Amino acid sequence: MDNIVYYSTKMNKYAHVNEHEIKRLEHSIRSLREFNNEIPVYLFCDDPSFIPSYFTTDLSVKVVPFVEGNDHGFIFIYRWINLRYFEDMDANILYVDSDTIFAGDPQYLFDHYNYRDVFGREEFGFRHDPNIGGGRNIRRQYDMVDSGIKDLGGKSHVYNYCVGVLLFNNNIHRELISRGNELIELLTRLTNNEIPMPIPNRRIVDEYSVWVTLSRIGASCGLFAVQDVSQGWIEKKHEEYFNPIVCHYTTNHEQAFAKSNEKYNNLIRDTDELREEIDPYAAVSAQTLTHLTPEMVEMLAGDEPIVATDLWADLDPDD
């Protein structure tokens, strides 16, 4: 069975956003190639001609166009529909966002995290995330998320994954491929408030739809250890000695990451000035109540809701 790493990027209408994405991708893939020159790396792009040729010649990346069926219009699920490219392959597949950096051989993840169908880190603020706390009703909120997944046809326990680094084992990607249209339909209904989503933060509605779909499949789910997959910049585990296999530093913490080492300085940008062009949710409130059940609204009154940290909360830190 092959082990594969893949990325997925969609062209933005703003040139500076696309140029920044190339910088991110280059940092991530070059860091991967420092530890492993053999593992196949795929990069999906809706305009492959935009990807510089050295990605192929120097970094041994296979640049491929988006697969058919990516006309749904949702920003963040192109990556899952692109799994259709691997439908006929027997493979374990590691998906990584562009805002990642490797500090070890990705083969380690395939070798040590092979006893469940899916592995990832939980989203910030959820039960197994060690970084962000919750309010006094936090356990009830967790339970409502679990109940929401079950009400939508979930059959098995699923972790509330941050989808920036996800490992799919045992050909489970084929099951996800077979549910592609179902995933799009679910996200459409959630977006249109036809069914409630028990999370106030609309920024992670796509993640919620993935959690539901994995549970419907009955995928067995596990968690990456903090030692091996780091999230944010910089987790306490790695403050003294930075040695994860991969770090998903996240857009939220990118500016702190960019200032941490001179070689990443080309990621520094004026996020205040460019916010509305960078952030797809800039024009709308990420924290809304219109999609919540009355029970959820009542529970959240006077308490802090569980949310993934706001993408822009500290995007341009002073230090």
C-alpha atoms as a PDB file:
ATOM      1  CA  MET A   1       0.000   0.000   0.000  1.00  0.00           C
ATOM      2  CA  ASP A   2       1.364   3.416  -0.990  1.00  0.00           C
ATOM      3  CA  ASN A   3       1.840   6.320   1.401  1.00  0.00           C
ATOM      4  CA  ILE A   4       0.949   9.690  -0.103  1.00  0.00           C
ATOM      5  CA  VAL A   5       1.078  13.335   0.999  1.00  0.00           C
ATOM      6  CA  TYR A   6      -1.167  15.856  -0.698  1.00  0.00           C
ATOM      7  CA  TYR A   7      -2.006  19.556  -0.654  1.00  0.00           C
ATOM      8  CA  SER A   8      -4.902  21.406  -2.267  1.00  0.00           C
ATOM      9  CA  THR A   9      -5.097  25.107  -3.147  1.00  0.00           C
ATOM     10  CA  LYS A  10      -7.688  27.183  -4.961  1.00  0.00           C
ATOM     11  CA  MET A  11      -6.845  30.359  -6.821  1.00  0.00           C
ATOM     12  CA  ASN A  12      -7.999  33.585  -5.193  1.00  0.00           C
ATOM     13  CA  LYS A  13      -9.159  36.676  -7.075  1.00  0.00           C
ATOM     14  CA  TYR A  14      -6.441  38.690  -5.314  1.00  0.00           C
ATOM     15  CA  ALA A  15      -2.935  38.185  -6.711  1.00  0.00           C
ATOM     16  CA  HIS A  16      -1.178  38.828  -3.390  1.00  0.00           C
ATOM     17  CA  VAL A  17      -3.164  36.022  -1.736  1.00  0.00           C
ATOM     18  CA  ASN A  18      -2.041  33.568  -4.416  1.00  0.00           C
ATOM     19  CA  GLU A  19       1.566  34.722  -4.156  1.00  0.00           C
ATOM     20  CA  HIS A  20       1.467  34.254  -0.397  1.00  0.00           C
ATOM     21  CA  GLU A  21       0.054  30.767  -0.810  1.00  0.00           C
ATOM     22  CA  ILE A  22       2.988  29.821  -3.046  1.00  0.00           C
ATOM     23  CA  LYS A  23       5.391  30.966  -0.321  1.00  0.00           C
ATOM     24  CA  ARG A  24       3.575  28.850   2.257  1.00  0.00           C
ATOM     25  CA  LEU A  25       3.526  25.796   0.019  1.00  0.00           C
ATOM     26  CA  GLU A  26       7.215  26.135  -0.789  1.00  0.00           C
ATOM     27  CA  HIS A  27       8.191  26.376   2.885  1.00  0.00           C
ATOM     28  CA  SER A  28       6.062  23.357   3.752  1.00  0.00           C
ATOM     29  CA  ILE A  29       7.169  21.116   0.893  1.00  0.00           C
ATOM     30  CA  ARG A  30      10.858  22.082   1.119  1.00  0.00           C
ATOM     31  CA  SER A  31      10.808  21.236   4.822  1.00  0.00           C
ATOM     32  CA  LEU A  32       9.208  17.870   4.018  1.00  0.00           C
ATOM     33  CA  ARG A  33      11.841  17.132   1.380  1.00  0.00           C
ATOM     34  CA  GLU A  34      14.621  17.812   3.903  1.00  0.00           C
ATOM     35  CA  PHE A  35      13.562  14.577   5.605  1.00  0.00           C
ATOM     36  CA  ASN A  36      12.088  12.484   2.811  1.00  0.00           C
ATOM     37  CA  ASN A  37      12.830  12.642  -0.921  1.00  0.00           C
ATOM     38  CA  GLU A  38      10.926   9.492  -1.811  1.00  0.00           C
ATOM     39  CA  ILE A  39       7.366   9.873  -0.610  1.00  0.00           C
ATOM     40  CA  PRO A  40       4.960  10.992  -3.363  1.00  0.00           C
ATOM     41  CA  VAL A  41       3.697  14.549  -2.902  1.00  0.00           C
ATOM     42  CA  TYR A  42       0.678  15.811  -4.848  1.00  0.00           C
ATOM     43  CA  LEU A  43      -0.483  19.404  -5.171  1.00  0.00           C
ATOM     44  CA  PHE A  44      -3.996  20.049  -6.498  1.00  0.00           C
ATOM     45  CA  CYS A  45      -4.713  23.462  -8.001  1.00  0.00           C
ATOM     46  CA  ASP A  46      -7.598  24.676 -10.120  1.00  0.00           C
ATOM     47  CA  ASP A  47      -4.990  26.473 -12.270  1.00  0.00           C
ATOM     48  CA  PRO A  48      -1.911  24.213 -12.360  1.00  0.00           C
ATOM     49  CA  SER A  49      -0.096  26.639 -14.657  1.00  0.00           C
ATOM     50  CA  PHE A  50       0.195  29.073 -11.739  1.00  0.00           C
ATOM     51  CA  ILE A  51       2.394  26.680  -9.732  1.00  0.00           C
ATOM     52  CA  PRO A  52       6.078  27.435 -10.435  1.00  0.00           C
ATOM     53  CA  SER A  53       7.879  24.757 -12.442  1.00  0.00           C
ATOM     54  CA  TYR A  54      10.492  24.219  -9.734  1.00  0.00           C
ATOM     55  CA  PHE A  55       7.827  22.562  -7.595  1.00  0.00           C
ATOM     56  CA  THR A  56       8.009  19.715 -10.092  1.00  0.00           C
ATOM     57  CA  THR A  57      11.690  19.838 -11.077  1.00  0.00           C
ATOM     58  CA  ASP A  58      13.275  20.598  -7.690  1.00  0.00           C
ATOM     59  CA  LEU A  59      10.731  19.353  -5.157  1.00  0.00           C
ATOM     60  CA  SER A  60       9.376  16.334  -7.059  1.00  0.00           C
ATOM     61  CA  VAL A  61       5.789  17.458  -6.645  1.00  0.00           C
ATOM     62  CA  LYS A  62       3.090  16.121  -8.939  1.00  0.00           C
ATOM     63  CA  VAL A  63       0.924  19.140  -9.755  1.00  0.00           C
ATOM     64  CA  VAL A  64      -2.563  18.141 -10.872  1.00  0.00           C
ATOM     65  CA  PRO A  65      -5.799  20.004 -11.677  1.00  0.00           C
ATOM     66  CA  PHE A  66      -8.908  19.758  -9.558  1.00  0.00           C
ATOM     67  CA  VAL A  67     -11.014  16.680 -10.225  1.00  0.00           C
ATOM     68  CA  GLU A  68     -14.487  16.867 -11.723  1.00  0.00           C
ATOM     69  CA  GLY A  69     -17.289  17.651  -9.313  1.00  0.00           C
ATOM     70  CA  ASN A  70     -15.629  20.699  -7.744  1.00  0.00           C
ATOM     71  CA  ASP A  71     -18.285  23.138  -8.916  1.00  0.00           C
ATOM     72  CA  HIS A  72     -20.014  23.295  -5.530  1.00  0.00           C
ATOM     73  CA  GLY A  73     -18.676  26.757  -4.613  1.00  0.00           C
ATOM     74  CA  PHE A  74     -17.680  25.964  -1.028  1.00  0.00           C
ATOM     75  CA  ILE A  75     -14.252  27.318  -0.141  1.00  0.00           C
ATOM     76  CA  PHE A  76     -12.918  24.626   2.137  1.00  0.00           C
ATOM     77  CA  ILE A  77     -14.059  21.257   0.815  1.00  0.00           C
ATOM     78  CA  TYR A  78     -12.274  21.206  -2.539  1.00  0.00           C
ATOM     79  CA  ARG A  79      -9.543  19.243  -0.784  1.00  0.00           C
ATOM     80  CA  TRP A  80     -11.927  16.391   0.070  1.00  0.00           C
ATOM     81  CA  ILE A  81     -13.504  16.214  -3.373  1.00  0.00           C
ATOM     82  CA  ASN A  82      -9.972  16.026  -4.814  1.00  0.00           C
ATOM     83  CA  LEU A  83      -9.566  12.698  -3.015  1.00  0.00           C
ATOM     84  CA  ARG A  84     -11.401  11.250  -6.031  1.00  0.00           C
ATOM     85  CA  TYR A  85      -8.062  11.374  -7.849  1.00  0.00           C
ATOM     86  CA  PHE A  86      -6.849   8.543  -5.581  1.00  0.00           C
ATOM     87  CA  GLU A  87      -9.976   6.406  -5.863  1.00  0.00           C
ATOM     88  CA  ASP A  88      -8.230   3.531  -7.646  1.00  0.00           C
ATOM     89  CA  MET A  89      -5.134   3.608  -5.446  1.00  0.00           C
ATOM     90  CA  ASP A  90      -4.477   1.413  -2.422  1.00  0.00           C
ATOM     91  CA  ALA A  91      -3.096   4.130  -0.207  1.00  0.00           C
ATOM     92  CA  ASN A  92      -2.687   5.747   3.152  1.00  0.00           C
ATOM     93  CA  ILE A  93      -3.053   9.478   2.529  1.00  0.00           C
ATOM     94  CA  LEU A  94      -1.806  12.412   4.607  1.00  0.00           C
ATOM     95  CA  TYR A  95      -3.514  15.712   3.856  1.00  0.00           C
ATOM     96  CA  VAL A  96      -1.733  18.878   4.995  1.00  0.00           C
ATOM     97  CA  ASP A  97      -2.655  22.546   4.695  1.00  0.00           C
ATOM     98  CA  SER A  98      -0.137  24.996   3.276  1.00  0.00           C
ATOM     99  CA  ASP A  99       0.385  26.654   6.689  1.00  0.00           C
ATOM    100  CA  THR A 100       2.493  23.758   7.929  1.00  0.00           C
ATOM    101  CA  ILE A 101       6.172  23.065   8.452  1.00  0.00           C
ATOM    102  CA  PHE A 102       7.885  19.690   8.780  1.00  0.00           C
ATOM    103  CA  ALA A 103      10.540  19.048  11.421  1.00  0.00           C
ATOM    104  CA  GLY A 104      10.723  15.291  10.880  1.00  0.00           C
ATOM    105  CA  ASP A 105      10.104  12.533   8.366  1.00  0.00           C
ATOM    106  CA  PRO A 106       6.382  12.199   7.522  1.00  0.00           C
ATOM    107  CA  GLN A 107       6.935   8.453   7.131  1.00  0.00           C
ATOM    108  CA  TYR A 108       6.983   8.338  10.947  1.00  0.00           C
ATOM    109  CA  LEU A 109       3.289   9.241  10.995  1.00  0.00           C
ATOM    110  CA  PHE A 110       2.425   6.433   8.582  1.00  0.00           C
ATOM    111  CA  ASP A 111       4.487   3.942  10.608  1.00  0.00           C
ATOM    112  CA  HIS A 112       3.198   4.848  14.063  1.00  0.00           C
ATOM    113  CA  TYR A 113      -0.375   5.938  13.391  1.00  0.00           C
ATOM    114  CA  ASN A 114      -1.675   2.953  11.463  1.00  0.00           C
ATOM    115  CA  TYR A 115      -4.182   1.387  13.882  1.00  0.00           C
ATOM    116  CA  ARG A 116      -7.177   3.633  13.142  1.00  0.00           C
ATOM    117  CA  ASP A 117      -8.813   4.802   9.926  1.00  0.00           C
ATOM    118  CA  VAL A 118      -8.340   8.513  10.614  1.00  0.00           C
ATOM    119  CA  PHE A 119      -5.906  10.526  12.731  1.00  0.00           C
ATOM    120  CA  GLY A 120      -5.765  14.247  13.434  1.00  0.00           C
ATOM    121  CA  ARG A 121      -5.635  16.879  16.170  1.00  0.00           C
ATOM    122  CA  GLU A 122      -8.821  18.226  17.705  1.00  0.00           C
ATOM    123  CA  GLU A 123      -9.868  21.747  16.833  1.00  0.00           C
ATOM    124  CA  PHE A 124      -8.909  24.500  19.279  1.00  0.00           C
ATOM    125  CA  GLY A 125     -11.298  24.647  22.229  1.00  0.00           C
ATOM    126  CA  PHE A 126     -12.634  21.104  22.006  1.00  0.00           C
ATOM    127  CA  ARG A 127     -12.385  18.309  24.551  1.00  0.00           C
ATOM    128  CA  HIS A 128      -8.968  16.896  23.625  1.00  0.00           C
ATOM    129  CA  ASP A 129      -7.288  20.172  22.702  1.00  0.00           C
ATOM    130  CA  PRO A 130      -4.742  21.132  25.401  1.00  0.00           C
ATOM    131  CA  ASN A 131      -4.500  24.794  24.389  1.00  0.00           C
ATOM    132  CA  ILE A 132      -7.853  26.526  24.841  1.00  0.00           C
ATOM    133  CA  GLY A 133     -10.191  26.312  27.824  1.00  0.00           C
ATOM    134  CA  GLY A 134     -13.998  26.568  27.969  1.00  0.00           C
ATOM    135  CA  GLY A 135     -16.816  28.119  29.960  1.00  0.00           C
ATOM    136  CA  ARG A 136     -18.817  26.682  32.802  1.00  0.00           C
ATOM    137  CA  ASN A 137     -21.181  24.773  30.493  1.00  0.00           C
ATOM    138  CA  ILE A 138     -18.393  23.383  28.352  1.00  0.00           C
ATOM    139  CA  ARG A 139     -19.217  19.690  28.824  1.00  0.00           C
ATOM    140  CA  ARG A 140     -22.843  20.274  27.919  1.00  0.00           C
ATOM    141  CA  GLN A 141     -21.705  22.059  24.776  1.00  0.00           C
ATOM    142  CA  TYR A 142     -19.474  19.118  23.847  1.00  0.00           C
ATOM    143  CA  ASP A 143     -22.411  16.778  24.394  1.00  0.00           C
ATOM    144  CA  MET A 144     -24.614  18.858  22.131  1.00  0.00           C
ATOM    145  CA  VAL A 145     -22.040  18.613  19.346  1.00  0.00           C
ATOM    146  CA  ASP A 146     -21.971  14.830  19.778  1.00  0.00           C
ATOM    147  CA  SER A 147     -25.773  14.700  19.808  1.00  0.00           C
ATOM    148  CA  GLY A 148     -25.942  16.831  16.677  1.00  0.00           C
ATOM    149  CA  ILE A 149     -23.650  14.415  14.840  1.00  0.00           C
ATOM    150  CA  LYS A 150     -25.757  11.449  15.978  1.00  0.00           C
ATOM    151  CA  ASP A 151     -28.993  13.169  14.949  1.00  0.00           C
ATOM    152  CA  LEU A 152     -27.563  13.604  11.451  1.00  0.00           C
ATOM    153  CA  GLY A 153     -26.927   9.898  11.079  1.00  0.00           C
ATOM    154  CA  GLY A 154     -23.598   9.492  12.822  1.00  0.00           C
ATOM    155  CA  LYS A 155     -22.857   5.866  13.733  1.00  0.00           C
ATOM    156  CA  SER A 156     -19.462   5.977  15.443  1.00  0.00           C
ATOM    157  CA  HIS A 157     -17.436   8.177  17.735  1.00  0.00           C
ATOM    158  CA  VAL A 158     -15.500  10.879  15.910  1.00  0.00           C
ATOM    159  CA  TYR A 159     -13.053  13.435  17.237  1.00  0.00           C
ATOM    160  CA  ASN A 160     -13.755  17.095  16.481  1.00  0.00           C
ATOM    161  CA  TYR A 161     -10.816  17.377  14.128  1.00  0.00           C
ATOM    162  CA  CYS A 162      -9.017  20.450  12.965  1.00  0.00           C
ATOM    163  CA  VAL A 163      -8.675  19.415   9.335  1.00  0.00           C
ATOM    164  CA  GLY A 164      -5.316  21.088   8.651  1.00  0.00           C
ATOM    165  CA  VAL A 165      -3.449  17.794   9.106  1.00  0.00           C
ATOM    166  CA  LEU A 166      -5.431  14.577   8.602  1.00  0.00           C
ATOM    167  CA  LEU A 167      -4.219  11.039   7.957  1.00  0.00           C
ATOM    168  CA  PHE A 168      -6.513   8.605   6.135  1.00  0.00           C
ATOM    169  CA  ASN A 169      -5.540   4.926   6.517  1.00  0.00           C
ATOM    170  CA  ASN A 170      -6.856   1.590   5.261  1.00  0.00           C
ATOM    171  CA  ASN A 171      -8.323   3.053   2.070  1.00  0.00           C
ATOM    172  CA  ILE A 172     -10.880   4.960   4.127  1.00  0.00           C
ATOM    173  CA  HIS A 173     -10.508   7.718   1.542  1.00  0.00           C
ATOM    174  CA  ARG A 174     -12.649   5.597  -0.779  1.00  0.00           C
ATOM    175  CA  GLU A 175     -15.510   5.733   1.700  1.00  0.00           C
ATOM    176  CA  LEU A 176     -15.124   9.498   1.939  1.00  0.00           C
ATOM    177  CA  ILE A 177     -15.076   9.731  -1.866  1.00  0.00           C
ATOM    178  CA  SER A 178     -18.327   7.773  -2.061  1.00  0.00           C
ATOM    179  CA  ARG A 179     -19.909  10.320   0.301  1.00  0.00           C
ATOM    180  CA  GLY A 180     -18.691  13.361  -1.642  1.00  0.00           C
ATOM    181  CA  ASN A 181     -22.100  14.461  -2.915  1.00  0.00           C
ATOM    182  CA  GLU A 182     -23.560  13.758   0.496  1.00  0.00           C
ATOM    183  CA  LEU A 183     -20.899  15.996   2.056  1.00  0.00           C
ATOM    184  CA  ILE A 184     -21.759  18.818  -0.341  1.00  0.00           C
ATOM    185  CA  GLU A 185     -25.497  18.420   0.350  1.00  0.00           C
ATOM    186  CA  LEU A 186     -24.893  18.451   4.107  1.00  0.00           C
ATOM    187  CA  LEU A 187     -22.770  21.593   3.909  1.00  0.00           C
ATOM    188  CA  THR A 188     -25.394  23.257   1.718  1.00  0.00           C
ATOM    189  CA  ARG A 189     -28.147  22.546   4.242  1.00  0.00           C
ATOM    190  CA  LEU A 190     -26.001  23.718   7.159  1.00  0.00           C
ATOM    191  CA  THR A 191     -25.092  26.918   5.322  1.00  0.00           C
ATOM    192  CA  ASN A 192     -28.739  27.615   4.487  1.00  0.00           C
ATOM    193  CA  ASN A 193     -29.853  27.011   8.096  1.00  0.00           C
ATOM    194  CA  GLU A 194     -32.023  24.100   7.020  1.00  0.00           C
ATOM    195  CA  ILE A 195     -30.532  22.018   9.829  1.00  0.00           C
ATOM    196  CA  PRO A 196     -28.990  23.338  13.051  1.00  0.00           C
ATOM    197  CA  MET A 197     -25.271  23.307  13.722  1.00  0.00           C
ATOM    198  CA  PRO A 198     -24.516  23.219  17.468  1.00  0.00           C
ATOM    199  CA  ILE A 199     -21.444  25.463  17.148  1.00  0.00           C
ATOM    200  CA  PRO A 200     -21.692  29.272  16.972  1.00  0.00           C
ATOM    201  CA  ASN A 201     -18.570  29.647  14.838  1.00  0.00           C
ATOM    202  CA  ARG A 202     -19.472  29.532  11.152  1.00  0.00           C
ATOM    203  CA  ARG A 203     -15.797  29.379  10.256  1.00  0.00           C
ATOM    204  CA  ILE A 204     -15.789  25.677  11.048  1.00  0.00           C
ATOM    205  CA  VAL A 205     -19.079  24.620   9.463  1.00  0.00           C
ATOM    206  CA  ASP A 206     -17.048  22.695   6.878  1.00  0.00           C
ATOM    207  CA  GLU A 207     -15.255  20.835   9.671  1.00  0.00           C
ATOM    208  CA  TYR A 208     -18.550  19.932  11.313  1.00  0.00           C
ATOM    209  CA  SER A 209     -19.775  18.476   8.018  1.00  0.00           C
ATOM    210  CA  VAL A 210     -16.594  16.349   7.826  1.00  0.00           C
ATOM    211  CA  TRP A 211     -17.096  15.095  11.399  1.00  0.00           C
ATOM    212  CA  VAL A 212     -20.662  14.080  10.550  1.00  0.00           C
ATOM    213  CA  THR A 213     -19.580  12.335   7.352  1.00  0.00           C
ATOM    214  CA  LEU A 214     -16.768  10.383   9.052  1.00  0.00           C
ATOM    215  CA  SER A 215     -19.212   9.266  11.738  1.00  0.00           C
ATOM    216  CA  ARG A 216     -21.787   8.213   9.149  1.00  0.00           C
ATOM    217  CA  ILE A 217     -19.084   6.125   7.481  1.00  0.00           C
ATOM    218  CA  GLY A 218     -18.280   4.491  10.807  1.00  0.00           C
ATOM    219  CA  ALA A 219     -14.587   5.379  10.540  1.00  0.00           C
ATOM    220  CA  SER A 220     -12.410   4.462  13.508  1.00  0.00           C
ATOM    221  CA  CYS A 221     -10.778   7.651  14.739  1.00  0.00           C
ATOM    222  CA  GLY A 222      -7.615   8.426  16.676  1.00  0.00           C
ATOM    223  CA  LEU A 223      -5.584  11.428  17.764  1.00  0.00           C
ATOM    224  CA  PHE A 224      -2.054  12.462  16.904  1.00  0.00           C
ATOM    225  CA  ALA A 225       0.110  13.011  19.967  1.00  0.00           C
ATOM    226  CA  VAL A 226       1.139  16.602  20.649  1.00  0.00           C
ATOM    227  CA  GLN A 227       4.747  15.417  20.427  1.00  0.00           C
ATOM    228  CA  ASP A 228       4.317  14.410  16.792  1.00  0.00           C
ATOM    229  CA  VAL A 229       1.800  16.887  15.361  1.00  0.00           C
ATOM    230  CA  SER A 230       1.868  20.386  16.807  1.00  0.00           C
ATOM    231  CA  GLN A 231      -0.898  22.935  16.373  1.00  0.00           C
ATOM    232  CA  GLY A 232      -0.542  26.704  16.641  1.00  0.00           C
ATOM    233  CA  TRP A 233       2.663  28.586  17.370  1.00  0.00           C
ATOM    234  CA  ILE A 234       4.125  27.581  19.613  1.00  0.00           C
ATOM    235  CA  GLU A 235       2.741  24.814  21.843  1.00  0.00           C
ATOM    236  CA  LYS A 236       4.272  24.500  25.285  1.00  0.00           C
ATOM    237  CA  LYS A 237       5.403  20.951  24.491  1.00  0.00           C
ATOM    238  CA  HIS A 238       7.801  22.340  21.882  1.00  0.00           C
ATOM    239  CA  GLU A 239       8.952  25.598  23.468  1.00  0.00           C
ATOM    240  CA  GLU A 240      12.213  24.157  24.801  1.00  0.00           C
ATOM    241  CA  TYR A 241      13.001  21.866  21.885  1.00  0.00           C
ATOM    242  CA  PHE A 242      11.013  22.123  18.682  1.00  0.00           C
ATOM    243  CA  ASN A 243      10.778  18.590  17.303  1.00  0.00           C
ATOM    244  CA  PRO A 244       7.322  17.596  16.061  1.00  0.00           C
ATOM    245  CA  ILE A 245       7.054  15.706  12.799  1.00  0.00           C
ATOM    246  CA  VAL A 246       4.819  18.458  11.457  1.00  0.00           C
ATOM    247  CA  CYS A 247       3.580  21.742  12.870  1.00  0.00           C
ATOM    248  CA  HIS A 248       0.328  23.267  11.690  1.00  0.00           C
ATOM    249  CA  TYR A 249       1.169  26.786  12.780  1.00  0.00           C
ATOM    250  CA  THR A 250      -2.231  28.033  11.487  1.00  0.00           C
ATOM    251  CA  THR A 251      -3.129  31.316   9.838  1.00  0.00           C
ATOM    252  CA  ASN A 252      -4.076  32.626  13.274  1.00  0.00           C
ATOM    253  CA  HIS A 253      -0.458  32.362  14.452  1.00  0.00           C
ATOM    254  CA  GLU A 254       1.314  32.803  11.126  1.00  0.00           C
ATOM    255  CA  GLN A 255       2.791  36.221  11.877  1.00  0.00           C
ATOM    256  CA  ALA A 256       4.386  34.995  15.117  1.00  0.00           C
ATOM    257  CA  PHE A 257       5.738  31.998  13.206  1.00  0.00           C
ATOM    258  CA  ALA A 258       7.034  34.202  10.373  1.00  0.00           C
ATOM    259  CA  LYS A 259       8.957  36.364  12.854  1.00  0.00           C
ATOM    260  CA  SER A 260      10.447  33.372  14.679  1.00  0.00           C
ATOM    261  CA  ASN A 261      13.072  32.641  12.033  1.00  0.00           C
ATOM    262  CA  GLU A 262      14.586  34.805   9.317  1.00  0.00           C
ATOM    263  CA  LYS A 263      13.948  32.200   6.630  1.00  0.00           C
ATOM    264  CA  TYR A 264      10.193  32.560   7.171  1.00  0.00           C
ATOM    265  CA  ASN A 265      10.213  36.365   7.089  1.00  0.00           C
ATOM    266  CA  ASN A 266       8.726  36.414   3.591  1.00  0.00           C
ATOM    267  CA  LEU A 267       5.423  35.354   5.213  1.00  0.00           C
ATOM    268  CA  ILE A 268       5.172  38.620   7.125  1.00  0.00           C
ATOM    269  CA  ARG A 269       2.344  40.770   5.797  1.00  0.00           C
ATOM    270  CA  ASP A 270       0.085  43.611   6.892  1.00  0.00           C
ATOM    271  CA  THR A 271      -2.894  41.593   8.011  1.00  0.00           C
ATOM    272  CA  ASP A 272      -4.829  44.628   9.225  1.00  0.00           C
ATOM    273  CA  GLU A 273      -4.739  46.355   5.862  1.00  0.00           C
ATOM    274  CA  LEU A 274      -5.353  43.181   3.872  1.00  0.00           C
ATOM    275  CA  ARG A 275      -7.856  41.512   6.164  1.00  0.00           C
ATOM    276  CA  GLU A 276     -10.933  41.841   3.963  1.00  0.00           C
ATOM    277  CA  GLU A 277      -9.041  40.459   0.974  1.00  0.00           C
ATOM    278  CA  ILE A 278      -7.475  37.572   2.894  1.00  0.00           C
ATOM    279  CA  ASP A 279     -10.402  36.493   5.060  1.00  0.00           C
ATOM    280  CA  PRO A 280     -13.357  34.915   3.223  1.00  0.00           C
ATOM    281  CA  TYR A 281     -15.543  35.631   6.257  1.00  0.00           C
ATOM    282  CA  ALA A 282     -14.545  39.282   6.699  1.00  0.00           C
ATOM    283  CA  ALA A 283     -17.867  40.563   5.424  1.00  0.00           C
ATOM    284  CA  VAL A 284     -19.978  38.469   7.779  1.00  0.00           C
ATOM    285  CA  SER A 285     -19.994  37.717  11.450  1.00  0.00           C
ATOM    286  CA  ALA A 286     -18.441  34.350  12.223  1.00  0.00           C
ATOM    287  CA  GLN A 287     -20.305  34.241  15.526  1.00  0.00           C
ATOM    288  CA  THR A 288     -24.039  34.119  14.790  1.00  0.00           C
ATOM    289  CA  LEU A 289     -27.083  32.565  16.432  1.00  0.00           C
ATOM    290  CA  THR A 290     -29.451  32.183  13.475  1.00  0.00           C
ATOM    291  CA  HIS A 291     -28.369  28.607  12.826  1.00  0.00           C
ATOM    292  CA  LEU A 292     -28.670  27.449  16.451  1.00  0.00           C
ATOM    293  CA  THR A 293     -31.535  25.664  18.183  1.00  0.00           C
ATOM    294  CA  PRO A 294     -33.409  27.551  20.942  1.00  0.00           C
ATOM    295  CA  GLU A 295     -31.868  25.132  23.462  1.00  0.00           C
ATOM    296  CA  MET A 296     -28.380  26.015  22.292  1.00  0.00           C
ATOM    297  CA  VAL A 297     -29.082  29.764  22.380  1.00  0.00           C
ATOM    298  CA  GLU A 298     -30.403  29.488  25.933  1.00  0.00           C
ATOM    299  CA  MET A 299     -27.404  27.487  27.073  1.00  0.00           C
ATOM    300  CA  LEU A 300     -24.917  29.919  25.567  1.00  0.00           C
ATOM    301  CA  ALA A 301     -26.526  32.918  27.248  1.00  0.00           C
ATOM    302  CA  GLY A 302     -24.083  34.320  29.757  1.00  0.00           C
ATOM    303  CA  ASP A 303     -21.377  31.770  28.977  1.00  0.00           C
ATOM    304  CA  GLU A 304     -18.427  31.544  26.612  1.00  0.00           C
ATOM    305  CA  PRO A 305     -19.192  29.197  23.701  1.00  0.00           C
ATOM    306  CA  ILE A 306     -16.739  26.645  22.427  1.00  0.00           C
ATOM    307  CA  VAL A 307     -15.274  27.890  19.207  1.00  0.00           C
ATOM    308  CA  ALA A 308     -12.174  27.454  17.187  1.00  0.00           C
ATOM    309  CA  THR A 309     -10.098  30.515  17.990  1.00  0.00           C
ATOM    310  CA  ASP A 310     -10.986  33.480  15.833  1.00  0.00           C
ATOM    311  CA  LEU A 311      -8.857  33.442  12.727  1.00  0.00           C
ATOM    312  CA  TRP A 312      -7.996  37.097  13.218  1.00  0.00           C
ATOM    313  CA  ALA A 313      -7.791  37.322  17.013  1.00  0.00           C
ATOM    314  CA  ASP A 314      -4.026  37.736  17.112  1.00  0.00           C
ATOM    315  CA  LEU A 315      -3.053  37.508  13.485  1.00  0.00           C
ATOM    316  CA  ASP A 316      -0.609  40.394  13.816  1.00  0.00           C
ATOM    317  CA  PRO A 317       0.933  40.099  17.312  1.00  0.00           C
ATOM    318  CA  ASP A 318       3.221  42.816  18.602  1.00  0.00           C
ATOM    319  CA  ASP A 319       6.043  40.450  19.518  1.00  0.00           C
END
